[in-house]
PDB file of all heavy atoms in Angstrom:
ATOM      1  N   GLU A   1     132.091  60.863  65.674  1.00  0.00           N
ATOM      2  CA  GLU A   1     132.244  59.465  65.145  1.00  0.00           C
ATOM      3  C   GLU A   1     130.797  58.819  65.111  1.00  0.00           C
ATOM      4  O   GLU A   1     130.585  58.161  64.080  1.00  0.00           O
ATOM      5  CB  GLU A   1     133.227  58.665  65.942  1.00  0.00           C
ATOM      6  CG  GLU A   1     133.456  57.326  65.460  1.00  0.00           C
ATOM      7  CD  GLU A   1     134.447  56.507  66.343  1.00  0.00           C
ATOM      8  OE1 GLU A   1     135.251  57.229  67.080  1.00  0.00           O
ATOM      9  OE2 GLU A   1     134.433  55.295  66.298  1.00  0.00           O
ATOM     10  N   LEU A   2     130.101  59.056  66.126  1.00  0.00           N
ATOM     11  CA  LEU A   2     128.682  58.426  66.127  1.00  0.00           C
ATOM     12  C   LEU A   2     127.813  58.986  65.014  1.00  0.00           C
ATOM     13  O   LEU A   2     127.084  58.302  64.408  1.00  0.00           O
ATOM     14  CB  LEU A   2     128.046  58.576  67.536  1.00  0.00           C
ATOM     15  CG  LEU A   2     126.961  57.552  67.775  1.00  0.00           C
ATOM     16  CD1 LEU A   2     127.080  56.989  69.143  1.00  0.00           C
ATOM     17  CD2 LEU A   2     125.671  58.227  67.640  1.00  0.00           C
ATOM     18  N   TYR A   3     127.998  60.331  64.755  1.00  0.00           N
ATOM     19  CA  TYR A   3     127.304  60.928  63.590  1.00  0.00           C
ATOM     20  C   TYR A   3     127.659  60.265  62.332  1.00  0.00           C
ATOM     21  O   TYR A   3     126.787  60.188  61.473  1.00  0.00           O
ATOM     22  CB  TYR A   3     127.425  62.495  63.659  1.00  0.00           C
ATOM     23  CG  TYR A   3     127.123  63.081  64.942  1.00  0.00           C
ATOM     24  CD1 TYR A   3     127.373  64.375  65.217  1.00  0.00           C
ATOM     25  CD2 TYR A   3     126.191  62.546  65.911  1.00  0.00           C
ATOM     26  CE1 TYR A   3     127.058  65.194  66.328  1.00  0.00           C
ATOM     27  CE2 TYR A   3     125.899  63.207  67.079  1.00  0.00           C
ATOM     28  CZ  TYR A   3     126.342  64.525  67.333  1.00  0.00           C
ATOM     29  OH  TYR A   3     125.920  65.140  68.510  1.00  0.00           O
ATOM     30  N   LYS A   4     128.963  60.029  62.206  1.00  0.00           N
ATOM     31  CA  LYS A   4     129.352  59.295  61.006  1.00  0.00           C
ATOM     32  C   LYS A   4     128.767  57.951  60.857  1.00  0.00           C
ATOM     33  O   LYS A   4     128.315  57.483  59.797  1.00  0.00           O
ATOM     34  CB  LYS A   4     130.932  59.285  60.980  1.00  0.00           C
ATOM     35  CG  LYS A   4     131.628  60.445  60.473  1.00  0.00           C
ATOM     36  CD  LYS A   4     131.356  60.821  59.062  1.00  0.00           C
ATOM     37  CE  LYS A   4     131.961  59.808  58.119  1.00  0.00           C
ATOM     38  NZ  LYS A   4     131.805  60.142  56.704  1.00  0.00           N
ATOM     39  N   MET A   5     128.600  57.205  62.062  1.00  0.00           N
ATOM     40  CA  MET A   5     127.994  55.949  62.047  1.00  0.00           C
ATOM     41  C   MET A   5     126.533  56.173  61.529  1.00  0.00           C
ATOM     42  O   MET A   5     125.935  55.185  60.919  1.00  0.00           O
ATOM     43  CB  MET A   5     127.919  55.357  63.436  1.00  0.00           C
ATOM     44  CG  MET A   5     129.179  54.759  63.969  1.00  0.00           C
ATOM     45  SD  MET A   5     129.053  54.131  65.618  1.00  0.00           S
ATOM     46  CE  MET A   5     127.795  52.887  65.426  1.00  0.00           C
ATOM     47  N   ALA A   6     125.920  57.321  61.871  1.00  0.00           N
ATOM     48  CA  ALA A   6     124.586  57.447  61.415  1.00  0.00           C
ATOM     49  C   ALA A   6     124.416  57.771  59.950  1.00  0.00           C
ATOM     50  O   ALA A   6     123.233  57.987  59.442  1.00  0.00           O
ATOM     51  CB  ALA A   6     124.005  58.617  62.246  1.00  0.00           C
ATOM     52  N   GLY A   7     125.534  57.868  59.292  1.00  0.00           N
ATOM     53  CA  GLY A   7     125.487  58.136  57.847  1.00  0.00           C
ATOM     54  C   GLY A   7     125.544  59.641  57.536  1.00  0.00           C
ATOM     55  O   GLY A   7     125.448  59.886  56.226  1.00  0.00           O
ATOM     56  N   LEU A   8     125.791  60.568  58.355  1.00  0.00           N
ATOM     57  CA  LEU A   8     125.952  61.935  57.975  1.00  0.00           C
ATOM     58  C   LEU A   8     127.220  62.156  57.133  1.00  0.00           C
ATOM     59  O   LEU A   8     128.300  61.496  57.546  1.00  0.00           O
ATOM     60  CB  LEU A   8     125.944  62.882  59.223  1.00  0.00           C
ATOM     61  CG  LEU A   8     124.659  63.218  59.770  1.00  0.00           C
ATOM     62  CD1 LEU A   8     123.872  62.159  60.359  1.00  0.00           C
ATOM     63  CD2 LEU A   8     124.801  64.416  60.880  1.00  0.00           C
ATOM     64  N   SER A   9     127.293  62.997  56.184  1.00  0.00           N
ATOM     65  CA  SER A   9     128.457  63.391  55.422  1.00  0.00           C
ATOM     66  C   SER A   9     129.439  64.095  56.283  1.00  0.00           C
ATOM     67  O   SER A   9     129.032  64.663  57.343  1.00  0.00           O
ATOM     68  CB  SER A   9     128.061  64.103  54.234  1.00  0.00           C
ATOM     69  OG  SER A   9     127.530  65.378  54.588  1.00  0.00           O
ATOM     70  N   ASN A  10     130.652  64.206  55.862  1.00  0.00           N
ATOM     71  CA  ASN A  10     131.683  64.962  56.585  1.00  0.00           C
ATOM     72  C   ASN A  10     131.189  66.428  56.789  1.00  0.00           C
ATOM     73  O   ASN A  10     131.371  67.039  57.859  1.00  0.00           O
ATOM     74  CB  ASN A  10     132.984  64.821  55.958  1.00  0.00           C
ATOM     75  CG  ASN A  10     133.649  63.537  56.045  1.00  0.00           C
ATOM     76  OD1 ASN A  10     133.226  62.610  56.857  1.00  0.00           O
ATOM     77  ND2 ASN A  10     134.641  63.183  55.293  1.00  0.00           N
ATOM     78  N   LEU A  11     130.584  66.943  55.682  1.00  0.00           N
ATOM     79  CA  LEU A  11     130.120  68.369  55.730  1.00  0.00           C
ATOM     80  C   LEU A  11     129.061  68.569  56.942  1.00  0.00           C
ATOM     81  O   LEU A  11     129.084  69.373  57.689  1.00  0.00           O
ATOM     82  CB  LEU A  11     129.565  68.661  54.379  1.00  0.00           C
ATOM     83  CG  LEU A  11     128.993  70.148  54.300  1.00  0.00           C
ATOM     84  CD1 LEU A  11     130.097  71.148  54.465  1.00  0.00           C
ATOM     85  CD2 LEU A  11     128.180  70.327  52.979  1.00  0.00           C
ATOM     86  N   GLU A  12     128.100  67.533  56.788  1.00  0.00           N
ATOM     87  CA  GLU A  12     127.048  67.622  57.836  1.00  0.00           C
ATOM     88  C   GLU A  12     127.508  67.480  59.282  1.00  0.00           C
ATOM     89  O   GLU A  12     127.028  68.033  60.153  1.00  0.00           O
ATOM     90  CB  GLU A  12     125.904  66.637  57.528  1.00  0.00           C
ATOM     91  CG  GLU A  12     125.116  66.917  56.152  1.00  0.00           C
ATOM     92  CD  GLU A  12     124.430  68.235  56.235  1.00  0.00           C
ATOM     93  OE1 GLU A  12     124.035  68.712  57.364  1.00  0.00           O
ATOM     94  OE2 GLU A  12     124.230  68.904  55.216  1.00  0.00           O
ATOM     95  N   VAL A  13     128.506  66.568  59.433  1.00  0.00           N
ATOM     96  CA  VAL A  13     129.036  66.281  60.751  1.00  0.00           C
ATOM     97  C   VAL A  13     129.695  67.630  61.196  1.00  0.00           C
ATOM     98  O   VAL A  13     129.494  68.037  62.490  1.00  0.00           O
ATOM     99  CB  VAL A  13     130.100  65.190  60.733  1.00  0.00           C
ATOM    100  CG1 VAL A  13     130.772  65.104  62.118  1.00  0.00           C
ATOM    101  CG2 VAL A  13     129.291  63.865  60.512  1.00  0.00           C
ATOM    102  N   LEU A  14     130.454  68.225  60.345  1.00  0.00           N
ATOM    103  CA  LEU A  14     131.199  69.492  60.734  1.00  0.00           C
ATOM    104  C   LEU A  14     130.223  70.608  61.073  1.00  0.00           C
ATOM    105  O   LEU A  14     130.443  71.386  61.921  1.00  0.00           O
ATOM    106  CB  LEU A  14     132.102  69.918  59.560  1.00  0.00           C
ATOM    107  CG  LEU A  14     133.233  70.852  59.921  1.00  0.00           C
ATOM    108  CD1 LEU A  14     134.018  70.425  61.260  1.00  0.00           C
ATOM    109  CD2 LEU A  14     134.201  70.989  58.757  1.00  0.00           C
ATOM    110  N   LYS A  15     129.014  70.688  60.387  1.00  0.00           N
ATOM    111  CA  LYS A  15     128.072  71.616  60.665  1.00  0.00           C
ATOM    112  C   LYS A  15     127.379  71.511  62.079  1.00  0.00           C
ATOM    113  O   LYS A  15     127.192  72.402  62.835  1.00  0.00           O
ATOM    114  CB  LYS A  15     126.975  71.616  59.607  1.00  0.00           C
ATOM    115  CG  LYS A  15     127.340  72.117  58.286  1.00  0.00           C
ATOM    116  CD  LYS A  15     126.213  71.810  57.172  1.00  0.00           C
ATOM    117  CE  LYS A  15     124.945  72.394  57.433  1.00  0.00           C
ATOM    118  NZ  LYS A  15     124.026  72.080  56.330  1.00  0.00           N
ATOM    119  N   THR A  16     127.340  70.193  62.551  1.00  0.00           N
ATOM    120  CA  THR A  16     126.793  69.897  63.849  1.00  0.00           C
ATOM    121  C   THR A  16     127.758  70.534  64.909  1.00  0.00           C
ATOM    122  O   THR A  16     127.332  70.954  65.988  1.00  0.00           O
ATOM    123  CB  THR A  16     126.665  68.443  64.265  1.00  0.00           C
ATOM    124  OG1 THR A  16     127.895  67.841  64.364  1.00  0.00           O
ATOM    125  CG2 THR A  16     125.783  67.801  63.198  1.00  0.00           C
ATOM    126  N   ALA A  17     128.991  70.569  64.552  1.00  0.00           N
ATOM    127  CA  ALA A  17     130.035  71.147  65.492  1.00  0.00           C
ATOM    128  C   ALA A  17     130.343  72.591  65.391  1.00  0.00           C
ATOM    129  O   ALA A  17     131.122  73.168  66.193  1.00  0.00           O
ATOM    130  CB  ALA A  17     131.319  70.294  65.270  1.00  0.00           C
ATOM    131  N   THR A  18     129.681  73.258  64.417  1.00  0.00           N
ATOM    132  CA  THR A  18     130.037  74.681  64.172  1.00  0.00           C
ATOM    133  C   THR A  18     128.735  75.461  63.905  1.00  0.00           C
ATOM    134  O   THR A  18     128.084  75.962  64.798  1.00  0.00           O
ATOM    135  CB  THR A  18     131.002  74.856  63.013  1.00  0.00           C
ATOM    136  OG1 THR A  18     130.488  74.147  61.786  1.00  0.00           O
ATOM    137  CG2 THR A  18     132.375  74.177  63.320  1.00  0.00           C
ATOM    138  N   GLY A  19     128.415  75.710  62.652  1.00  0.00           N
ATOM    139  CA  GLY A  19     127.284  76.500  62.360  1.00  0.00           C
ATOM    140  C   GLY A  19     125.982  76.167  62.870  1.00  0.00           C
ATOM    141  O   GLY A  19     125.076  77.019  63.176  1.00  0.00           O
ATOM    142  N   ASN A  20     125.635  74.906  63.087  1.00  0.00           N
ATOM    143  CA  ASN A  20     124.372  74.496  63.726  1.00  0.00           C
ATOM    144  C   ASN A  20     124.201  75.085  65.018  1.00  0.00           C
ATOM    145  O   ASN A  20     123.109  75.390  65.579  1.00  0.00           O
ATOM    146  CB  ASN A  20     124.231  72.962  63.671  1.00  0.00           C
ATOM    147  CG  ASN A  20     123.911  72.370  62.344  1.00  0.00           C
ATOM    148  OD1 ASN A  20     123.830  73.100  61.310  1.00  0.00           O
ATOM    149  ND2 ASN A  20     123.768  71.057  62.305  1.00  0.00           N
ATOM    150  N   ALA A  21     125.425  75.183  65.865  1.00  0.00           N
ATOM    151  CA  ALA A  21     125.242  75.735  67.177  1.00  0.00           C
ATOM    152  C   ALA A  21     124.904  77.214  67.114  1.00  0.00           C
ATOM    153  O   ALA A  21     124.101  77.687  67.986  1.00  0.00           O
ATOM    154  CB  ALA A  21     126.592  75.516  67.855  1.00  0.00           C
ATOM    155  N   ALA A  22     125.396  77.992  66.196  1.00  0.00           N
ATOM    156  CA  ALA A  22     125.072  79.255  65.961  1.00  0.00           C
ATOM    157  C   ALA A  22     123.581  79.450  65.683  1.00  0.00           C
ATOM    158  O   ALA A  22     122.905  80.353  66.227  1.00  0.00           O
ATOM    159  CB  ALA A  22     125.845  79.955  64.833  1.00  0.00           C
ATOM    160  N   LYS A  23     123.055  78.605  64.782  1.00  0.00           N
ATOM    161  CA  LYS A  23     121.682  78.646  64.505  1.00  0.00           C
ATOM    162  C   LYS A  23     120.797  78.351  65.703  1.00  0.00           C
ATOM    163  O   LYS A  23     119.767  78.935  65.922  1.00  0.00           O
ATOM    164  CB  LYS A  23     121.341  77.634  63.374  1.00  0.00           C
ATOM    165  CG  LYS A  23     121.664  78.090  62.030  1.00  0.00           C
ATOM    166  CD  LYS A  23     121.173  77.038  60.943  1.00  0.00           C
ATOM    167  CE  LYS A  23     121.509  77.350  59.600  1.00  0.00           C
ATOM    168  NZ  LYS A  23     121.024  76.254  58.697  1.00  0.00           N
ATOM    169  N   ALA A  24     121.102  77.264  66.394  1.00  0.00           N
ATOM    170  CA  ALA A  24     120.281  76.756  67.490  1.00  0.00           C
ATOM    171  C   ALA A  24     120.241  77.712  68.648  1.00  0.00           C
ATOM    172  O   ALA A  24     119.239  77.964  69.194  1.00  0.00           O
ATOM    173  CB  ALA A  24     120.838  75.425  68.015  1.00  0.00           C
ATOM    174  N   PHE A  25     121.357  78.260  68.998  1.00  0.00           N
ATOM    175  CA  PHE A  25     121.483  79.109  70.324  1.00  0.00           C
ATOM    176  C   PHE A  25     121.546  80.562  69.964  1.00  0.00           C
ATOM    177  O   PHE A  25     121.463  81.346  70.922  1.00  0.00           O
ATOM    178  CB  PHE A  25     122.678  78.726  71.135  1.00  0.00           C
ATOM    179  CG  PHE A  25     122.551  77.438  71.729  1.00  0.00           C
ATOM    180  CD1 PHE A  25     122.930  76.161  71.100  1.00  0.00           C
ATOM    181  CD2 PHE A  25     122.025  77.247  73.026  1.00  0.00           C
ATOM    182  CE1 PHE A  25     122.876  74.955  71.749  1.00  0.00           C
ATOM    183  CE2 PHE A  25     121.869  75.994  73.654  1.00  0.00           C
ATOM    184  CZ  PHE A  25     122.257  74.869  73.020  1.00  0.00           C
ATOM    185  N   ASP A  26     121.523  80.983  68.684  1.00  0.00           N
ATOM    186  CA  ASP A  26     121.611  82.402  68.319  1.00  0.00           C
ATOM    187  C   ASP A  26     122.648  83.159  69.070  1.00  0.00           C
ATOM    188  O   ASP A  26     122.463  84.231  69.694  1.00  0.00           O
ATOM    189  CB  ASP A  26     120.227  83.035  68.667  1.00  0.00           C
ATOM    190  CG  ASP A  26     120.106  84.410  67.986  1.00  0.00           C
ATOM    191  OD1 ASP A  26     120.882  84.692  66.937  1.00  0.00           O
ATOM    192  OD2 ASP A  26     119.258  85.283  68.419  1.00  0.00           O
ATOM    193  N   LEU A  27     123.809  82.514  69.074  1.00  0.00           N
ATOM    194  CA  LEU A  27     125.104  83.097  69.659  1.00  0.00           C
ATOM    195  C   LEU A  27     126.145  83.226  68.764  1.00  0.00           C
ATOM    196  O   LEU A  27     126.245  82.575  67.680  1.00  0.00           O
ATOM    197  CB  LEU A  27     125.529  82.097  70.836  1.00  0.00           C
ATOM    198  CG  LEU A  27     124.687  81.992  72.133  1.00  0.00           C
ATOM    199  CD1 LEU A  27     125.115  80.886  72.982  1.00  0.00           C
ATOM    200  CD2 LEU A  27     124.570  83.265  72.863  1.00  0.00           C
ATOM    201  N   PRO A  28     127.140  84.175  68.952  1.00  0.00           N
ATOM    202  CA  PRO A  28     128.190  84.452  67.996  1.00  0.00           C
ATOM    203  C   PRO A  28     129.357  83.353  68.101  1.00  0.00           C
ATOM    204  O   PRO A  28     130.429  83.648  68.560  1.00  0.00           O
ATOM    205  CB  PRO A  28     128.715  85.789  68.447  1.00  0.00           C
ATOM    206  CG  PRO A  28     128.492  85.877  69.850  1.00  0.00           C
ATOM    207  CD  PRO A  28     127.111  85.200  70.089  1.00  0.00           C
ATOM    208  N   ILE A  29     128.924  82.098  67.714  1.00  0.00           N
ATOM    209  CA  ILE A  29     129.844  81.044  67.813  1.00  0.00           C
ATOM    210  C   ILE A  29     129.770  80.153  66.712  1.00  0.00           C
ATOM    211  O   ILE A  29     128.844  80.273  65.872  1.00  0.00           O
ATOM    212  CB  ILE A  29     129.368  80.183  69.051  1.00  0.00           C
ATOM    213  CG1 ILE A  29     127.968  79.655  68.901  1.00  0.00           C
ATOM    214  CG2 ILE A  29     129.570  80.939  70.350  1.00  0.00           C
ATOM    215  CD1 ILE A  29     127.431  78.764  70.052  1.00  0.00           C
ATOM    216  N   GLY A  30     130.799  79.386  66.368  1.00  0.00           N
ATOM    217  CA  GLY A  30     130.757  78.361  65.339  1.00  0.00           C
ATOM    218  C   GLY A  30     130.565  78.816  63.890  1.00  0.00           C
ATOM    219  O   GLY A  30     130.259  77.955  63.116  1.00  0.00           O
ATOM    220  N   GLU A  31     130.830  79.991  63.587  1.00  0.00           N
ATOM    221  CA  GLU A  31     130.873  80.481  62.226  1.00  0.00           C
ATOM    222  C   GLU A  31     131.863  81.541  61.999  1.00  0.00           C
ATOM    223  O   GLU A  31     132.294  82.221  62.908  1.00  0.00           O
ATOM    224  CB  GLU A  31     129.441  81.076  61.919  1.00  0.00           C
ATOM    225  CG  GLU A  31     128.961  82.270  62.801  1.00  0.00           C
ATOM    226  CD  GLU A  31     127.649  82.665  62.522  1.00  0.00           C
ATOM    227  OE1 GLU A  31     126.861  82.010  61.740  1.00  0.00           O
ATOM    228  OE2 GLU A  31     127.202  83.748  63.063  1.00  0.00           O
ATOM    229  N   ILE A  32     132.195  81.663  60.722  1.00  0.00           N
ATOM    230  CA  ILE A  32     133.214  82.641  60.223  1.00  0.00           C
ATOM    231  C   ILE A  32     132.528  83.447  59.219  1.00  0.00           C
ATOM    232  O   ILE A  32     132.077  83.009  58.184  1.00  0.00           O
ATOM    233  CB  ILE A  32     134.448  81.953  59.761  1.00  0.00           C
ATOM    234  CG1 ILE A  32     135.206  81.113  60.679  1.00  0.00           C
ATOM    235  CG2 ILE A  32     135.425  83.062  59.137  1.00  0.00           C
ATOM    236  CD1 ILE A  32     136.400  80.281  60.222  1.00  0.00           C
ATOM    237  N   LYS A  33     132.511  84.761  59.395  1.00  0.00           N
ATOM    238  CA  LYS A  33     131.933  85.688  58.427  1.00  0.00           C
ATOM    239  C   LYS A  33     132.564  87.071  58.691  1.00  0.00           C
ATOM    240  O   LYS A  33     133.150  87.425  59.744  1.00  0.00           O
ATOM    241  CB  LYS A  33     130.437  85.768  58.589  1.00  0.00           C
ATOM    242  CG  LYS A  33     130.011  86.223  60.001  1.00  0.00           C
ATOM    243  CD  LYS A  33     128.382  86.222  60.120  1.00  0.00           C
ATOM    244  CE  LYS A  33     127.905  86.651  61.493  1.00  0.00           C
ATOM    245  NZ  LYS A  33     126.446  86.624  61.628  1.00  0.00           N
ATOM    246  N   LYS A  34     132.355  87.972  57.719  1.00  0.00           N
ATOM    247  CA  LYS A  34     132.912  89.342  57.848  1.00  0.00           C
ATOM    248  C   LYS A  34     132.163  89.939  59.143  1.00  0.00           C
ATOM    249  O   LYS A  34     131.027  89.909  59.234  1.00  0.00           O
ATOM    250  CB  LYS A  34     132.506  90.172  56.634  1.00  0.00           C
ATOM    251  CG  LYS A  34     133.154  91.633  56.675  1.00  0.00           C
ATOM    252  CD  LYS A  34     132.798  92.287  55.396  1.00  0.00           C
ATOM    253  CE  LYS A  34     133.327  93.792  55.482  1.00  0.00           C
ATOM    254  NZ  LYS A  34     133.051  94.620  54.219  1.00  0.00           N
ATOM    255  N   GLY A  35     133.020  90.621  60.011  1.00  0.00           N
ATOM    256  CA  GLY A  35     132.562  91.237  61.152  1.00  0.00           C
ATOM    257  C   GLY A  35     132.559  90.302  62.363  1.00  0.00           C
ATOM    258  O   GLY A  35     132.392  90.823  63.572  1.00  0.00           O
ATOM    259  N   SER A  36     132.778  89.006  62.209  1.00  0.00           N
ATOM    260  CA  SER A  36     132.853  88.119  63.451  1.00  0.00           C
ATOM    261  C   SER A  36     134.288  88.119  63.984  1.00  0.00           C
ATOM    262  O   SER A  36     135.240  88.635  63.340  1.00  0.00           O
ATOM    263  CB  SER A  36     132.517  86.654  63.066  1.00  0.00           C
ATOM    264  OG  SER A  36     133.452  86.048  62.162  1.00  0.00           O
ATOM    265  N   LYS A  37     134.342  87.657  65.244  1.00  0.00           N
ATOM    266  CA  LYS A  37     135.745  87.564  65.868  1.00  0.00           C
ATOM    267  C   LYS A  37     136.602  86.662  65.032  1.00  0.00           C
ATOM    268  O   LYS A  37     136.179  85.701  64.537  1.00  0.00           O
ATOM    269  CB  LYS A  37     135.589  87.154  67.280  1.00  0.00           C
ATOM    270  CG  LYS A  37     134.841  88.052  68.228  1.00  0.00           C
ATOM    271  CD  LYS A  37     135.720  89.230  68.536  1.00  0.00           C
ATOM    272  CE  LYS A  37     135.147  90.084  69.621  1.00  0.00           C
ATOM    273  NZ  LYS A  37     135.904  91.297  69.963  1.00  0.00           N
ATOM    274  N   ALA A  38     137.827  87.065  64.967  1.00  0.00           N
ATOM    275  CA  ALA A  38     138.921  86.211  64.185  1.00  0.00           C
ATOM    276  C   ALA A  38     139.220  85.088  65.149  1.00  0.00           C
ATOM    277  O   ALA A  38     140.446  85.026  65.679  1.00  0.00           O
ATOM    278  CB  ALA A  38     140.085  87.045  63.887  1.00  0.00           C
ATOM    279  N   THR A  39     138.294  84.222  65.345  1.00  0.00           N
ATOM    280  CA  THR A  39     138.547  82.948  66.200  1.00  0.00           C
ATOM    281  C   THR A  39     138.242  81.768  65.403  1.00  0.00           C
ATOM    282  O   THR A  39     137.116  81.530  65.003  1.00  0.00           O
ATOM    283  CB  THR A  39     137.510  83.060  67.459  1.00  0.00           C
ATOM    284  OG1 THR A  39     137.826  84.160  68.246  1.00  0.00           O
ATOM    285  CG2 THR A  39     137.673  81.875  68.288  1.00  0.00           C
ATOM    286  N   PHE A  40     139.236  80.961  65.117  1.00  0.00           N
ATOM    287  CA  PHE A  40     139.120  79.846  64.237  1.00  0.00           C
ATOM    288  C   PHE A  40     140.357  78.897  64.340  1.00  0.00           C
ATOM    289  O   PHE A  40     141.266  79.112  65.088  1.00  0.00           O
ATOM    290  CB  PHE A  40     139.055  80.386  62.751  1.00  0.00           C
ATOM    291  CG  PHE A  40     140.164  81.262  62.350  1.00  0.00           C
ATOM    292  CD1 PHE A  40     141.366  80.677  61.835  1.00  0.00           C
ATOM    293  CD2 PHE A  40     140.011  82.641  62.352  1.00  0.00           C
ATOM    294  CE1 PHE A  40     142.375  81.451  61.438  1.00  0.00           C
ATOM    295  CE2 PHE A  40     141.009  83.393  61.895  1.00  0.00           C
ATOM    296  CZ  PHE A  40     142.264  82.841  61.490  1.00  0.00           C
ATOM    297  N   VAL A  41     140.122  77.843  63.710  1.00  0.00           N
ATOM    298  CA  VAL A  41     141.210  76.823  63.711  1.00  0.00           C
ATOM    299  C   VAL A  41     141.847  76.612  62.319  1.00  0.00           C
ATOM    300  O   VAL A  41     141.155  76.580  61.361  1.00  0.00           O
ATOM    301  CB  VAL A  41     140.695  75.391  64.143  1.00  0.00           C
ATOM    302  CG1 VAL A  41     141.727  74.342  64.274  1.00  0.00           C
ATOM    303  CG2 VAL A  41     139.907  75.509  65.408  1.00  0.00           C
ATOM    304  N   LEU A  42     143.170  76.694  62.165  1.00  0.00           N
ATOM    305  CA  LEU A  42     143.921  76.504  60.936  1.00  0.00           C
ATOM    306  C   LEU A  42     144.390  75.015  60.888  1.00  0.00           C
ATOM    307  O   LEU A  42     145.225  74.704  61.735  1.00  0.00           O
ATOM    308  CB  LEU A  42     144.940  77.474  60.814  1.00  0.00           C
ATOM    309  CG  LEU A  42     145.739  77.459  59.453  1.00  0.00           C
ATOM    310  CD1 LEU A  42     144.847  77.928  58.301  1.00  0.00           C
ATOM    311  CD2 LEU A  42     146.978  78.375  59.546  1.00  0.00           C
ATOM    312  N   LEU A  43     143.786  74.292  60.098  1.00  0.00           N
ATOM    313  CA  LEU A  43     144.205  72.814  59.954  1.00  0.00           C
ATOM    314  C   LEU A  43     145.213  72.624  58.953  1.00  0.00           C
ATOM    315  O   LEU A  43     145.183  73.424  57.874  1.00  0.00           O
ATOM    316  CB  LEU A  43     142.868  71.976  59.650  1.00  0.00           C
ATOM    317  CG  LEU A  43     141.757  72.080  60.730  1.00  0.00           C
ATOM    318  CD1 LEU A  43     140.553  71.335  60.215  1.00  0.00           C
ATOM    319  CD2 LEU A  43     142.171  71.381  62.031  1.00  0.00           C
TER     320      LEU A  43
END
């Protein structure tokens, strides 16, 4: 919610919670791609 206050788009906010973590920490987390674990949320 605070990132939304900062003016980030919904897409950019969602990236902070998912793919940005994979980029930052170089861990198999926060992304969905062929070969990754089938770990995800169905909304």
